[in-house]
């Protein structure tokens, strides 16, 4: 009888995660976004969650927990109950950069999360003022090399992905540029539009108003490939910046310990959602493309990007804060 009881208990424990996955979700899913409403990550969260509610009836609560360059929101999810009902939608900077520029992070980006899938991916545009004599990446390289260390560029702040993307370009082409940090991406783009600083890089949504008004022009993108919504934008890899592939992606993460069956179920449904034509159109307006990347492939990409940015941070000589 005792042996039979142990056997039944073992079977029950084996089937428990499967049963949980079969029933999932039975209540609203908390989707933590570590940035303010209206930003790149928040917008992606709302596009994804609203479409999944429409398709499946799954309920989501988008919870904006701002502060600490994503550390507050990340900490909430890292310490959450690993049942699949608290997830994190994060971007490149959080998982590929934060660990190299901040000291005493109260959780481990590499070990306290399970990557589920990339949601969307997009380039950063390298822009100059529309009146600038620089009209291409080739011109940029020539101008910067003519006056080493004198050409300045703006960024949303030291350690931001936009900052490190420009430094990646500079490193690849052997350029020495002067960094001018601003308090956010919008002020950096505005500074270029007003002619206060010659150059910056930014996501497509932040550039479009100034591009449409004719105040800035695009030299190219910081990625290794072209994008369907901007086929004329020259990739850095084709224009004198070998190996550069800096994009802004958002991805879905769960706290460590969530059953694999639940992870796979979330991934499968997100992947189906991202294939919807209207979702692709919506992300295109945001300057990105939906990406249904498997948990294993996404984990590899996160690790790869973290190593790339570690090298850039070391090259720039940023000290952990």
C-alpha atoms as a PDB file:
ATOM      1  CA  UNK A   1       0.000   0.000   0.000  1.00  0.00           C
ATOM      2  CA  UNK A   2       2.855   2.349   0.902  1.00  0.00           C
ATOM      3  CA  UNK A   3       4.580   1.580  -2.429  1.00  0.00           C
ATOM      4  CA  UNK A   4       1.342   2.252  -4.325  1.00  0.00           C
ATOM      5  CA  UNK A   5       0.911   5.578  -2.528  1.00  0.00           C
ATOM      6  CA  UNK A   6       4.454   6.639  -3.432  1.00  0.00           C
ATOM      7  CA  UNK A   7       3.861   5.635  -7.048  1.00  0.00           C
ATOM      8  CA  UNK A   8       0.635   7.645  -7.265  1.00  0.00           C
ATOM      9  CA  UNK A   9       2.345  10.628  -5.678  1.00  0.00           C
ATOM     10  CA  UNK A  10       5.184  10.438  -8.207  1.00  0.00           C
ATOM     11  CA  UNK A  11       2.693  10.306 -11.072  1.00  0.00           C
ATOM     12  CA  UNK A  12       0.783  13.281  -9.653  1.00  0.00           C
ATOM     13  CA  UNK A  13       3.956  15.332  -9.364  1.00  0.00           C
ATOM     14  CA  UNK A  14       4.899  14.441 -12.929  1.00  0.00           C
ATOM     15  CA  UNK A  15       1.511  15.431 -14.303  1.00  0.00           C
ATOM     16  CA  UNK A  16       1.125  18.629 -12.242  1.00  0.00           C
ATOM     17  CA  UNK A  17       3.003  20.939 -14.627  1.00  0.00           C
ATOM     18  CA  UNK A  18       1.094  19.440 -17.584  1.00  0.00           C
ATOM     19  CA  UNK A  19      -2.220  20.044 -15.845  1.00  0.00           C
ATOM     20  CA  UNK A  20      -1.160  23.604 -15.056  1.00  0.00           C
ATOM     21  CA  UNK A  21      -0.308  24.212 -18.715  1.00  0.00           C
ATOM     22  CA  UNK A  22      -3.631  22.727 -19.840  1.00  0.00           C
ATOM     23  CA  UNK A  23      -5.554  25.089 -17.553  1.00  0.00           C
ATOM     24  CA  UNK A  24      -3.384  28.152 -18.157  1.00  0.00           C
ATOM     25  CA  UNK A  25      -4.399  30.914 -17.914  1.00  0.00           C
ATOM     26  CA  UNK A  26      -7.275  30.936 -15.453  1.00  0.00           C
ATOM     27  CA  UNK A  27      -6.826  34.565 -14.355  1.00  0.00           C
ATOM     28  CA  UNK A  28      -5.343  37.809 -15.750  1.00  0.00           C
ATOM     29  CA  UNK A  29      -1.636  37.849 -16.593  1.00  0.00           C
ATOM     30  CA  UNK A  30       0.384  40.705 -15.142  1.00  0.00           C
ATOM     31  CA  UNK A  31       2.671  42.085 -17.841  1.00  0.00           C
ATOM     32  CA  UNK A  32       5.306  44.276 -16.205  1.00  0.00           C
ATOM     33  CA  UNK A  33       6.849  47.065 -18.272  1.00  0.00           C
ATOM     34  CA  UNK A  34       9.732  48.867 -16.625  1.00  0.00           C
ATOM     35  CA  UNK A  35       9.158  52.093 -18.553  1.00  0.00           C
ATOM     36  CA  UNK A  36       6.525  54.797 -18.807  1.00  0.00           C
ATOM     37  CA  UNK A  37       3.363  54.528 -20.942  1.00  0.00           C
ATOM     38  CA  UNK A  38       3.819  55.524 -24.566  1.00  0.00           C
ATOM     39  CA  UNK A  39       7.403  54.341 -24.956  1.00  0.00           C
ATOM     40  CA  UNK A  40       8.747  51.600 -27.215  1.00  0.00           C
ATOM     41  CA  UNK A  41       8.356  48.778 -24.687  1.00  0.00           C
ATOM     42  CA  UNK A  42       4.975  49.922 -23.395  1.00  0.00           C
ATOM     43  CA  UNK A  43       3.564  50.247 -26.911  1.00  0.00           C
ATOM     44  CA  UNK A  44       4.776  46.758 -27.838  1.00  0.00           C
ATOM     45  CA  UNK A  45       3.177  45.381 -24.655  1.00  0.00           C
ATOM     46  CA  UNK A  46      -0.178  46.919 -25.519  1.00  0.00           C
ATOM     47  CA  UNK A  47      -0.109  45.813 -29.157  1.00  0.00           C
ATOM     48  CA  UNK A  48       0.679  42.242 -28.121  1.00  0.00           C
ATOM     49  CA  UNK A  49      -1.669  41.981 -25.149  1.00  0.00           C
ATOM     50  CA  UNK A  50      -4.674  43.529 -26.895  1.00  0.00           C
ATOM     51  CA  UNK A  51      -4.306  41.226 -29.880  1.00  0.00           C
ATOM     52  CA  UNK A  52      -3.932  38.144 -27.670  1.00  0.00           C
ATOM     53  CA  UNK A  53      -7.062  39.144 -25.777  1.00  0.00           C
ATOM     54  CA  UNK A  54      -8.862  39.503 -29.097  1.00  0.00           C
ATOM     55  CA  UNK A  55      -7.616  36.125 -30.378  1.00  0.00           C
ATOM     56  CA  UNK A  56      -7.769  34.004 -27.241  1.00  0.00           C
ATOM     57  CA  UNK A  57      -9.699  35.838 -24.581  1.00  0.00           C
ATOM     58  CA  UNK A  58      -6.600  35.936 -22.364  1.00  0.00           C
ATOM     59  CA  UNK A  59      -6.706  38.890 -19.995  1.00  0.00           C
ATOM     60  CA  UNK A  60      -3.672  41.070 -19.331  1.00  0.00           C
ATOM     61  CA  UNK A  61      -2.858  43.881 -16.937  1.00  0.00           C
ATOM     62  CA  UNK A  62      -0.009  46.029 -18.247  1.00  0.00           C
ATOM     63  CA  UNK A  63       1.819  47.223 -15.136  1.00  0.00           C
ATOM     64  CA  UNK A  64       4.229  50.134 -15.731  1.00  0.00           C
ATOM     65  CA  UNK A  65       6.906  50.085 -13.007  1.00  0.00           C
ATOM     66  CA  UNK A  66       9.349  52.803 -13.965  1.00  0.00           C
ATOM     67  CA  UNK A  67      12.715  53.737 -12.514  1.00  0.00           C
ATOM     68  CA  UNK A  68      16.288  52.579 -12.281  1.00  0.00           C
ATOM     69  CA  UNK A  69      16.772  51.966 -16.016  1.00  0.00           C
ATOM     70  CA  UNK A  70      14.468  48.978 -15.811  1.00  0.00           C
ATOM     71  CA  UNK A  71      15.839  47.607 -12.550  1.00  0.00           C
ATOM     72  CA  UNK A  72      12.639  48.203 -10.558  1.00  0.00           C
ATOM     73  CA  UNK A  73      10.390  46.375 -13.006  1.00  0.00           C
ATOM     74  CA  UNK A  74      12.952  43.634 -13.524  1.00  0.00           C
ATOM     75  CA  UNK A  75      13.263  43.090  -9.789  1.00  0.00           C
ATOM     76  CA  UNK A  76       9.508  42.689  -9.396  1.00  0.00           C
ATOM     77  CA  UNK A  77       9.393  39.913 -11.978  1.00  0.00           C
ATOM     78  CA  UNK A  78      12.601  38.216 -10.826  1.00  0.00           C
ATOM     79  CA  UNK A  79      11.061  37.767  -7.372  1.00  0.00           C
ATOM     80  CA  UNK A  80       7.532  36.916  -8.551  1.00  0.00           C
ATOM     81  CA  UNK A  81       5.808  33.581  -8.000  1.00  0.00           C
ATOM     82  CA  UNK A  82       6.962  31.356 -10.901  1.00  0.00           C
ATOM     83  CA  UNK A  83       3.470  30.410 -12.068  1.00  0.00           C
ATOM     84  CA  UNK A  84       3.321  32.224 -15.408  1.00  0.00           C
ATOM     85  CA  UNK A  85       1.035  34.981 -14.167  1.00  0.00           C
ATOM     86  CA  UNK A  86       3.755  37.637 -13.869  1.00  0.00           C
ATOM     87  CA  UNK A  87       5.810  38.286 -16.997  1.00  0.00           C
ATOM     88  CA  UNK A  88       8.265  40.979 -18.081  1.00  0.00           C
ATOM     89  CA  UNK A  89       8.377  42.709 -21.438  1.00  0.00           C
ATOM     90  CA  UNK A  90      11.874  44.151 -21.684  1.00  0.00           C
ATOM     91  CA  UNK A  91      14.190  45.603 -24.298  1.00  0.00           C
ATOM     92  CA  UNK A  92      17.806  45.290 -25.429  1.00  0.00           C
ATOM     93  CA  UNK A  93      19.190  47.714 -22.874  1.00  0.00           C
ATOM     94  CA  UNK A  94      17.895  45.805 -19.881  1.00  0.00           C
ATOM     95  CA  UNK A  95      19.249  42.368 -20.718  1.00  0.00           C
ATOM     96  CA  UNK A  96      22.262  43.204 -22.893  1.00  0.00           C
ATOM     97  CA  UNK A  97      23.630  46.334 -21.203  1.00  0.00           C
ATOM     98  CA  UNK A  98      22.438  46.913 -17.620  1.00  0.00           C
ATOM     99  CA  UNK A  99      24.577  44.189 -16.107  1.00  0.00           C
ATOM    100  CA  UNK A 100      27.718  45.867 -17.447  1.00  0.00           C
ATOM    101  CA  UNK A 101      26.987  49.422 -16.272  1.00  0.00           C
ATOM    102  CA  UNK A 102      25.267  49.012 -12.900  1.00  0.00           C
ATOM    103  CA  UNK A 103      26.694  47.687  -9.652  1.00  0.00           C
ATOM    104  CA  UNK A 104      24.786  45.734  -7.030  1.00  0.00           C
ATOM    105  CA  UNK A 105      21.811  44.719  -9.179  1.00  0.00           C
ATOM    106  CA  UNK A 106      19.529  42.796  -6.766  1.00  0.00           C
ATOM    107  CA  UNK A 107      18.927  40.001  -9.253  1.00  0.00           C
ATOM    108  CA  UNK A 108      20.765  38.179 -12.028  1.00  0.00           C
ATOM    109  CA  UNK A 109      19.685  38.884 -15.602  1.00  0.00           C
ATOM    110  CA  UNK A 110      21.356  35.674 -16.781  1.00  0.00           C
ATOM    111  CA  UNK A 111      19.920  33.265 -14.207  1.00  0.00           C
ATOM    112  CA  UNK A 112      16.734  34.715 -12.710  1.00  0.00           C
ATOM    113  CA  UNK A 113      14.693  34.834 -15.916  1.00  0.00           C
ATOM    114  CA  UNK A 114      13.514  32.473 -18.638  1.00  0.00           C
ATOM    115  CA  UNK A 115      13.517  34.018 -22.132  1.00  0.00           C
ATOM    116  CA  UNK A 116      10.194  33.178 -23.821  1.00  0.00           C
ATOM    117  CA  UNK A 117      10.369  34.919 -27.181  1.00  0.00           C
ATOM    118  CA  UNK A 118      11.427  38.084 -28.923  1.00  0.00           C
ATOM    119  CA  UNK A 119       8.352  40.166 -29.742  1.00  0.00           C
ATOM    120  CA  UNK A 120       9.633  42.802 -32.142  1.00  0.00           C
ATOM    121  CA  UNK A 121      12.923  44.123 -33.453  1.00  0.00           C
ATOM    122  CA  UNK A 122      13.862  47.375 -35.154  1.00  0.00           C
ATOM    123  CA  UNK A 123      16.842  49.494 -36.178  1.00  0.00           C
ATOM    124  CA  UNK A 124      18.104  52.776 -34.888  1.00  0.00           C
ATOM    125  CA  UNK A 125      18.457  55.540 -37.461  1.00  0.00           C
ATOM    126  CA  UNK A 126      21.656  57.537 -37.677  1.00  0.00           C
ATOM    127  CA  UNK A 127      20.572  61.105 -38.403  1.00  0.00           C
ATOM    128  CA  UNK A 128      22.087  64.515 -39.050  1.00  0.00           C
ATOM    129  CA  UNK A 129      20.562  67.946 -39.559  1.00  0.00           C
ATOM    130  CA  UNK A 130      19.035  68.386 -43.002  1.00  0.00           C
ATOM    131  CA  UNK A 131      21.457  71.279 -43.722  1.00  0.00           C
ATOM    132  CA  UNK A 132      24.535  69.233 -42.839  1.00  0.00           C
ATOM    133  CA  UNK A 133      27.070  68.639 -45.633  1.00  0.00           C
ATOM    134  CA  UNK A 134      27.237  65.033 -44.416  1.00  0.00           C
ATOM    135  CA  UNK A 135      24.873  63.034 -46.639  1.00  0.00           C
ATOM    136  CA  UNK A 136      26.037  59.440 -46.205  1.00  0.00           C
ATOM    137  CA  UNK A 137      27.922  57.077 -43.946  1.00  0.00           C
ATOM    138  CA  UNK A 138      30.918  57.580 -46.251  1.00  0.00           C
ATOM    139  CA  UNK A 139      30.773  61.339 -45.644  1.00  0.00           C
ATOM    140  CA  UNK A 140      30.461  60.759 -41.905  1.00  0.00           C
ATOM    141  CA  UNK A 141      33.576  58.605 -41.793  1.00  0.00           C
ATOM    142  CA  UNK A 142      35.567  61.134 -43.837  1.00  0.00           C
ATOM    143  CA  UNK A 143      34.448  64.095 -41.708  1.00  0.00           C
ATOM    144  CA  UNK A 144      35.154  62.328 -38.420  1.00  0.00           C
ATOM    145  CA  UNK A 145      38.588  61.172 -39.528  1.00  0.00           C
ATOM    146  CA  UNK A 146      39.484  64.676 -40.708  1.00  0.00           C
ATOM    147  CA  UNK A 147      39.013  66.015 -37.151  1.00  0.00           C
ATOM    148  CA  UNK A 148      39.509  63.158 -34.647  1.00  0.00           C
ATOM    149  CA  UNK A 149      37.644  63.663 -31.381  1.00  0.00           C
ATOM    150  CA  UNK A 150      35.978  66.908 -32.516  1.00  0.00           C
ATOM    151  CA  UNK A 151      32.752  65.654 -34.093  1.00  0.00           C
ATOM    152  CA  UNK A 152      30.132  65.380 -31.375  1.00  0.00           C
ATOM    153  CA  UNK A 153      27.025  63.252 -31.155  1.00  0.00           C
ATOM    154  CA  UNK A 154      24.026  63.280 -28.846  1.00  0.00           C
ATOM    155  CA  UNK A 155      22.490  60.377 -26.956  1.00  0.00           C
ATOM    156  CA  UNK A 156      19.705  59.745 -24.421  1.00  0.00           C
ATOM    157  CA  UNK A 157      22.381  59.303 -21.776  1.00  0.00           C
ATOM    158  CA  UNK A 158      25.555  57.430 -20.941  1.00  0.00           C
ATOM    159  CA  UNK A 159      25.106  53.679 -21.329  1.00  0.00           C
ATOM    160  CA  UNK A 160      21.883  53.905 -23.350  1.00  0.00           C
ATOM    161  CA  UNK A 161      21.651  51.533 -26.290  1.00  0.00           C
ATOM    162  CA  UNK A 162      21.677  54.551 -28.655  1.00  0.00           C
ATOM    163  CA  UNK A 163      24.900  55.777 -27.051  1.00  0.00           C
ATOM    164  CA  UNK A 164      26.590  52.403 -27.397  1.00  0.00           C
ATOM    165  CA  UNK A 165      25.322  51.958 -30.972  1.00  0.00           C
ATOM    166  CA  UNK A 166      27.203  55.107 -32.038  1.00  0.00           C
ATOM    167  CA  UNK A 167      30.283  53.938 -30.156  1.00  0.00           C
ATOM    168  CA  UNK A 168      30.009  50.569 -31.902  1.00  0.00           C
ATOM    169  CA  UNK A 169      29.994  52.382 -35.257  1.00  0.00           C
ATOM    170  CA  UNK A 170      32.976  54.476 -34.206  1.00  0.00           C
ATOM    171  CA  UNK A 171      34.932  51.439 -33.039  1.00  0.00           C
ATOM    172  CA  UNK A 172      34.229  49.515 -36.248  1.00  0.00           C
ATOM    173  CA  UNK A 173      35.420  52.375 -38.474  1.00  0.00           C
ATOM    174  CA  UNK A 174      38.274  53.577 -36.272  1.00  0.00           C
ATOM    175  CA  UNK A 175      36.622  56.909 -35.464  1.00  0.00           C
ATOM    176  CA  UNK A 176      36.983  59.086 -32.367  1.00  0.00           C
ATOM    177  CA  UNK A 177      33.810  61.026 -31.547  1.00  0.00           C
ATOM    178  CA  UNK A 178      32.744  63.326 -28.694  1.00  0.00           C
ATOM    179  CA  UNK A 179      29.758  62.133 -26.648  1.00  0.00           C
ATOM    180  CA  UNK A 180      27.134  64.686 -25.540  1.00  0.00           C
ATOM    181  CA  UNK A 181      24.535  63.042 -23.265  1.00  0.00           C
ATOM    182  CA  UNK A 182      21.001  64.447 -23.068  1.00  0.00           C
ATOM    183  CA  UNK A 183      18.165  63.621 -20.686  1.00  0.00           C
ATOM    184  CA  UNK A 184      16.316  61.275 -23.020  1.00  0.00           C
ATOM    185  CA  UNK A 185      16.045  60.336 -26.666  1.00  0.00           C
ATOM    186  CA  UNK A 186      13.639  63.097 -27.676  1.00  0.00           C
ATOM    187  CA  UNK A 187      15.966  65.935 -26.539  1.00  0.00           C
ATOM    188  CA  UNK A 188      18.886  64.314 -28.392  1.00  0.00           C
ATOM    189  CA  UNK A 189      16.904  64.126 -31.640  1.00  0.00           C
ATOM    190  CA  UNK A 190      15.624  67.680 -31.166  1.00  0.00           C
ATOM    191  CA  UNK A 191      19.199  68.873 -30.668  1.00  0.00           C
ATOM    192  CA  UNK A 192      20.133  67.481 -34.093  1.00  0.00           C
ATOM    193  CA  UNK A 193      17.002  69.004 -35.666  1.00  0.00           C
ATOM    194  CA  UNK A 194      17.955  72.401 -34.217  1.00  0.00           C
ATOM    195  CA  UNK A 195      21.590  72.101 -35.268  1.00  0.00           C
ATOM    196  CA  UNK A 196      22.922  72.036 -31.693  1.00  0.00           C
ATOM    197  CA  UNK A 197      24.763  68.738 -32.208  1.00  0.00           C
ATOM    198  CA  UNK A 198      25.736  67.162 -35.549  1.00  0.00           C
ATOM    199  CA  UNK A 199      24.659  63.569 -35.053  1.00  0.00           C
ATOM    200  CA  UNK A 200      22.621  61.052 -33.077  1.00  0.00           C
ATOM    201  CA  UNK A 201      20.962  57.654 -33.364  1.00  0.00           C
ATOM    202  CA  UNK A 202      17.369  56.956 -32.385  1.00  0.00           C
ATOM    203  CA  UNK A 203      14.480  54.607 -32.947  1.00  0.00           C
ATOM    204  CA  UNK A 204      12.231  55.278 -35.923  1.00  0.00           C
ATOM    205  CA  UNK A 205       9.199  56.694 -34.015  1.00  0.00           C
ATOM    206  CA  UNK A 206      11.290  59.407 -32.369  1.00  0.00           C
ATOM    207  CA  UNK A 207      12.799  60.492 -35.687  1.00  0.00           C
ATOM    208  CA  UNK A 208       9.737  60.461 -37.969  1.00  0.00           C
ATOM    209  CA  UNK A 209       8.221  63.831 -36.928  1.00  0.00           C
ATOM    210  CA  UNK A 210      11.510  65.609 -37.631  1.00  0.00           C
ATOM    211  CA  UNK A 211      12.095  63.586 -40.794  1.00  0.00           C
ATOM    212  CA  UNK A 212       8.636  64.421 -42.110  1.00  0.00           C
ATOM    213  CA  UNK A 213       9.148  68.105 -41.344  1.00  0.00           C
ATOM    214  CA  UNK A 214      12.416  68.071 -43.282  1.00  0.00           C
ATOM    215  CA  UNK A 215      14.591  69.047 -40.326  1.00  0.00           C
ATOM    216  CA  UNK A 216      16.763  65.922 -40.311  1.00  0.00           C
ATOM    217  CA  UNK A 217      18.003  63.368 -42.804  1.00  0.00           C
ATOM    218  CA  UNK A 218      18.873  59.711 -42.399  1.00  0.00           C
ATOM    219  CA  UNK A 219      22.371  58.460 -43.162  1.00  0.00           C
ATOM    220  CA  UNK A 220      21.444  54.818 -42.550  1.00  0.00           C
ATOM    221  CA  UNK A 221      20.592  52.262 -39.909  1.00  0.00           C
ATOM    222  CA  UNK A 222      22.699  50.699 -37.163  1.00  0.00           C
ATOM    223  CA  UNK A 223      21.903  47.136 -38.215  1.00  0.00           C
ATOM    224  CA  UNK A 224      23.410  44.559 -40.556  1.00  0.00           C
ATOM    225  CA  UNK A 225      20.338  44.370 -42.807  1.00  0.00           C
ATOM    226  CA  UNK A 226      17.692  46.472 -44.502  1.00  0.00           C
ATOM    227  CA  UNK A 227      14.107  46.702 -43.275  1.00  0.00           C
ATOM    228  CA  UNK A 228      10.896  46.389 -45.285  1.00  0.00           C
ATOM    229  CA  UNK A 229       9.537  49.690 -43.960  1.00  0.00           C
ATOM    230  CA  UNK A 230      12.726  51.554 -44.957  1.00  0.00           C
ATOM    231  CA  UNK A 231      14.392  49.754 -47.851  1.00  0.00           C
ATOM    232  CA  UNK A 232      16.396  52.857 -48.837  1.00  0.00           C
ATOM    233  CA  UNK A 233      18.067  53.142 -45.440  1.00  0.00           C
ATOM    234  CA  UNK A 234      21.621  51.840 -45.826  1.00  0.00           C
ATOM    235  CA  UNK A 235      22.753  49.228 -43.260  1.00  0.00           C
ATOM    236  CA  UNK A 236      25.909  50.061 -41.342  1.00  0.00           C
ATOM    237  CA  UNK A 237      27.406  46.727 -42.396  1.00  0.00           C
ATOM    238  CA  UNK A 238      27.324  47.835 -46.054  1.00  0.00           C
ATOM    239  CA  UNK A 239      28.873  51.236 -45.481  1.00  0.00           C
ATOM    240  CA  UNK A 240      32.211  50.949 -43.709  1.00  0.00           C
ATOM    241  CA  UNK A 241      31.117  49.621 -40.315  1.00  0.00           C
ATOM    242  CA  UNK A 242      31.871  45.868 -40.426  1.00  0.00           C
ATOM    243  CA  UNK A 243      30.200  43.676 -37.825  1.00  0.00           C
ATOM    244  CA  UNK A 244      27.857  46.375 -36.495  1.00  0.00           C
ATOM    245  CA  UNK A 245      24.352  45.098 -35.801  1.00  0.00           C
ATOM    246  CA  UNK A 246      22.713  47.228 -33.114  1.00  0.00           C
ATOM    247  CA  UNK A 247      18.940  47.003 -32.923  1.00  0.00           C
ATOM    248  CA  UNK A 248      16.255  47.716 -30.355  1.00  0.00           C
ATOM    249  CA  UNK A 249      14.240  44.577 -29.637  1.00  0.00           C
ATOM    250  CA  UNK A 250      11.602  43.845 -27.065  1.00  0.00           C
ATOM    251  CA  UNK A 251      11.161  40.386 -25.614  1.00  0.00           C
ATOM    252  CA  UNK A 252       9.040  38.437 -23.186  1.00  0.00           C
ATOM    253  CA  UNK A 253      10.585  36.939 -20.038  1.00  0.00           C
ATOM    254  CA  UNK A 254       9.283  34.842 -17.139  1.00  0.00           C
ATOM    255  CA  UNK A 255      10.787  34.412 -13.670  1.00  0.00           C
ATOM    256  CA  UNK A 256      12.963  31.329 -13.228  1.00  0.00           C
ATOM    257  CA  UNK A 257      10.953  28.272 -12.247  1.00  0.00           C
ATOM    258  CA  UNK A 258       7.910  28.680 -14.473  1.00  0.00           C
ATOM    259  CA  UNK A 259       7.083  25.181 -15.843  1.00  0.00           C
ATOM    260  CA  UNK A 260       8.408  24.489 -19.311  1.00  0.00           C
ATOM    261  CA  UNK A 261       4.937  23.544 -20.541  1.00  0.00           C
ATOM    262  CA  UNK A 262       3.620  26.989 -19.599  1.00  0.00           C
ATOM    263  CA  UNK A 263       6.611  28.694 -21.254  1.00  0.00           C
ATOM    264  CA  UNK A 264       6.010  26.724 -24.450  1.00  0.00           C
ATOM    265  CA  UNK A 265       2.292  27.503 -24.402  1.00  0.00           C
ATOM    266  CA  UNK A 266       2.899  31.239 -24.040  1.00  0.00           C
ATOM    267  CA  UNK A 267       5.506  31.149 -26.813  1.00  0.00           C
ATOM    268  CA  UNK A 268       3.219  29.231 -29.179  1.00  0.00           C
ATOM    269  CA  UNK A 269       0.342  31.677 -28.735  1.00  0.00           C
ATOM    270  CA  UNK A 270       2.560  34.753 -28.978  1.00  0.00           C
ATOM    271  CA  UNK A 271       4.096  33.359 -32.176  1.00  0.00           C
ATOM    272  CA  UNK A 272       0.646  32.869 -33.720  1.00  0.00           C
ATOM    273  CA  UNK A 273      -0.367  36.378 -32.694  1.00  0.00           C
ATOM    274  CA  UNK A 274       2.732  37.968 -34.204  1.00  0.00           C
ATOM    275  CA  UNK A 275       1.935  36.378 -37.579  1.00  0.00           C
ATOM    276  CA  UNK A 276      -1.324  38.322 -37.873  1.00  0.00           C
ATOM    277  CA  UNK A 277      -1.196  40.816 -40.740  1.00  0.00           C
ATOM    278  CA  UNK A 278      -2.576  43.706 -38.694  1.00  0.00           C
ATOM    279  CA  UNK A 279       0.054  43.118 -36.001  1.00  0.00           C
ATOM    280  CA  UNK A 280       2.814  43.346 -38.605  1.00  0.00           C
ATOM    281  CA  UNK A 281       1.277  46.571 -39.936  1.00  0.00           C
ATOM    282  CA  UNK A 282       1.050  48.065 -36.453  1.00  0.00           C
ATOM    283  CA  UNK A 283       4.672  47.276 -35.635  1.00  0.00           C
ATOM    284  CA  UNK A 284       5.771  48.719 -38.997  1.00  0.00           C
ATOM    285  CA  UNK A 285       4.305  52.076 -37.938  1.00  0.00           C
ATOM    286  CA  UNK A 286       6.559  51.809 -34.878  1.00  0.00           C
ATOM    287  CA  UNK A 287       9.634  51.157 -37.004  1.00  0.00           C
ATOM    288  CA  UNK A 288       9.980  47.491 -36.155  1.00  0.00           C
ATOM    289  CA  UNK A 289       9.013  44.005 -37.260  1.00  0.00           C
ATOM    290  CA  UNK A 290       7.333  41.232 -35.232  1.00  0.00           C
ATOM    291  CA  UNK A 291       9.649  38.309 -34.473  1.00  0.00           C
ATOM    292  CA  UNK A 292       8.445  34.908 -33.280  1.00  0.00           C
ATOM    293  CA  UNK A 293      11.709  33.487 -31.940  1.00  0.00           C
ATOM    294  CA  UNK A 294      11.710  30.222 -29.969  1.00  0.00           C
ATOM    295  CA  UNK A 295      12.763  30.271 -26.303  1.00  0.00           C
ATOM    296  CA  UNK A 296      16.050  28.540 -27.145  1.00  0.00           C
ATOM    297  CA  UNK A 297      16.843  30.886 -30.038  1.00  0.00           C
ATOM    298  CA  UNK A 298      15.875  33.937 -28.033  1.00  0.00           C
ATOM    299  CA  UNK A 299      18.102  32.849 -25.143  1.00  0.00           C
ATOM    300  CA  UNK A 300      21.008  32.580 -27.605  1.00  0.00           C
ATOM    301  CA  UNK A 301      20.276  36.047 -28.992  1.00  0.00           C
ATOM    302  CA  UNK A 302      20.142  37.615 -25.526  1.00  0.00           C
ATOM    303  CA  UNK A 303      23.458  36.012 -24.620  1.00  0.00           C
ATOM    304  CA  UNK A 304      25.015  37.075 -27.923  1.00  0.00           C
ATOM    305  CA  UNK A 305      23.912  40.699 -27.539  1.00  0.00           C
ATOM    306  CA  UNK A 306      25.093  40.819 -23.923  1.00  0.00           C
ATOM    307  CA  UNK A 307      28.573  39.749 -25.020  1.00  0.00           C
ATOM    308  CA  UNK A 308      28.608  42.277 -27.884  1.00  0.00           C
ATOM    309  CA  UNK A 309      27.697  45.170 -25.616  1.00  0.00           C
ATOM    310  CA  UNK A 310      30.105  44.033 -22.910  1.00  0.00           C
ATOM    311  CA  UNK A 311      32.902  44.615 -25.396  1.00  0.00           C
ATOM    312  CA  UNK A 312      31.556  48.031 -26.388  1.00  0.00           C
ATOM    313  CA  UNK A 313      31.207  49.091 -22.753  1.00  0.00           C
ATOM    314  CA  UNK A 314      34.829  48.062 -22.174  1.00  0.00           C
ATOM    315  CA  UNK A 315      35.959  49.928 -25.305  1.00  0.00           C
ATOM    316  CA  UNK A 316      34.174  53.093 -24.198  1.00  0.00           C
ATOM    317  CA  UNK A 317      35.543  52.680 -20.677  1.00  0.00           C
ATOM    318  CA  UNK A 318      32.208  53.087 -18.903  1.00  0.00           C
ATOM    319  CA  UNK A 319      32.455  52.437 -15.182  1.00  0.00           C
ATOM    320  CA  UNK A 320      29.660  50.632 -13.386  1.00  0.00           C
ATOM    321  CA  UNK A 321      27.436  53.032 -11.464  1.00  0.00           C
END
